Every structure is written in structure tokens, then in C-alpha cells.
Amino acid sequence: MGFRQDLLAQLEEIRADVYAGSMGSPGDCVDGIVNQLTIRTRVWPNPEIGPGYGTAVDTDLVLPPRYPVRQVTTEEITSSAGRFESGDLIVEFITPFDGISVGYTPAQLAPNAPKGTQIIYLITGTHPGEYVLRQLQSDGPYAYNLVIGRARQADARPNT
């Protein structure tokens, strides 16, 4: 293993310790709230989506409840050039894939949605609900961030 792979594995272990309670109760070192992100890929049997168009098949990628979730700041909204809005959330410090077994790839965090497919970001915890991806911030070598916003009817449409 290289230096980066070793460091990513250690970072993931530290994040697990902080959020899983090995350093006290869950979340003691952060905010006392455990949030969890599930990235759901919902595939419909044809290009149309929604009730009346058949039965969808869901596949979930459940991230462990160790990644902090917070609301975007006013400064982040202002500097986003309209991409973010009030109420959007940032899931922070997601460990990038180390090439072996730890972390997540950009394709796992922000999958493509062909016709007939929805990508739904489900949060449980502080701000529960269904969200859509606003931005994957994957330019850092040791942590990715996901910016997600509340799902609206227009957001529920698949990419075309």
C-alpha cells in the first residue's frame, strides 16, 4: 500500500471511532447527533417514472453514520452562483476510495441517472427527508463532500 492508501484507511478508522462511540457515546466528539446518508438508485421499468408506470426497483448504498451533515452557510450560498440555496445540506469528510477496500468513488456518490432512473439522497437524523444532488465536491485527496437539496417535483425527474 502507498502512503495515500494508508492514510485514507486511518482516516476512515478515526471517523468510525468518533461517530461509533468508541470515544464515548455516538457523536460525542461532534454534535451528539448521528446522521446517515442513503443513496438510493430507483429504476423504473420504462422511461416514465412515478406511480402508474410500473414497479420501481430500489438499490441502496448506505453510508455509515459517521459523516457530519450540516446546512450550507450564507457565504457558501452567495459564492455558489445560484447552485446552492437556503436549506441545502453538506455531507462532509466522506472518505475517497483508496483503490483497495476503503471509501467511495465519485461514481458511487453521484451516479449517472439514465432515463427511467432516479437518484434519491435520503437523510435520517437532524434534517430527515429526500434530497437531490446539487454538487459533488471531489477535488480533495482525503475527503469528498456532497451538497444536497430538498427534492422538488421537478428534481424527481430522471436525467435525460
Foldseek 3Di string as FASTA:
>chain_A
DDPLLVVLVVLVVVLCCQQVAVVHHGNPVHDPKFKWKKKKKWAFPDLDDDPPRHDIDIDIDIDGRRWDKDWDDPVCCVVVVNLDDGAKMKGKFFFPDSVPDDTHHPCVVQPAFDRRIFIWMAMPIDDGDTWDWSDWADPDSGMIMTITHHDDPVNRRHDD
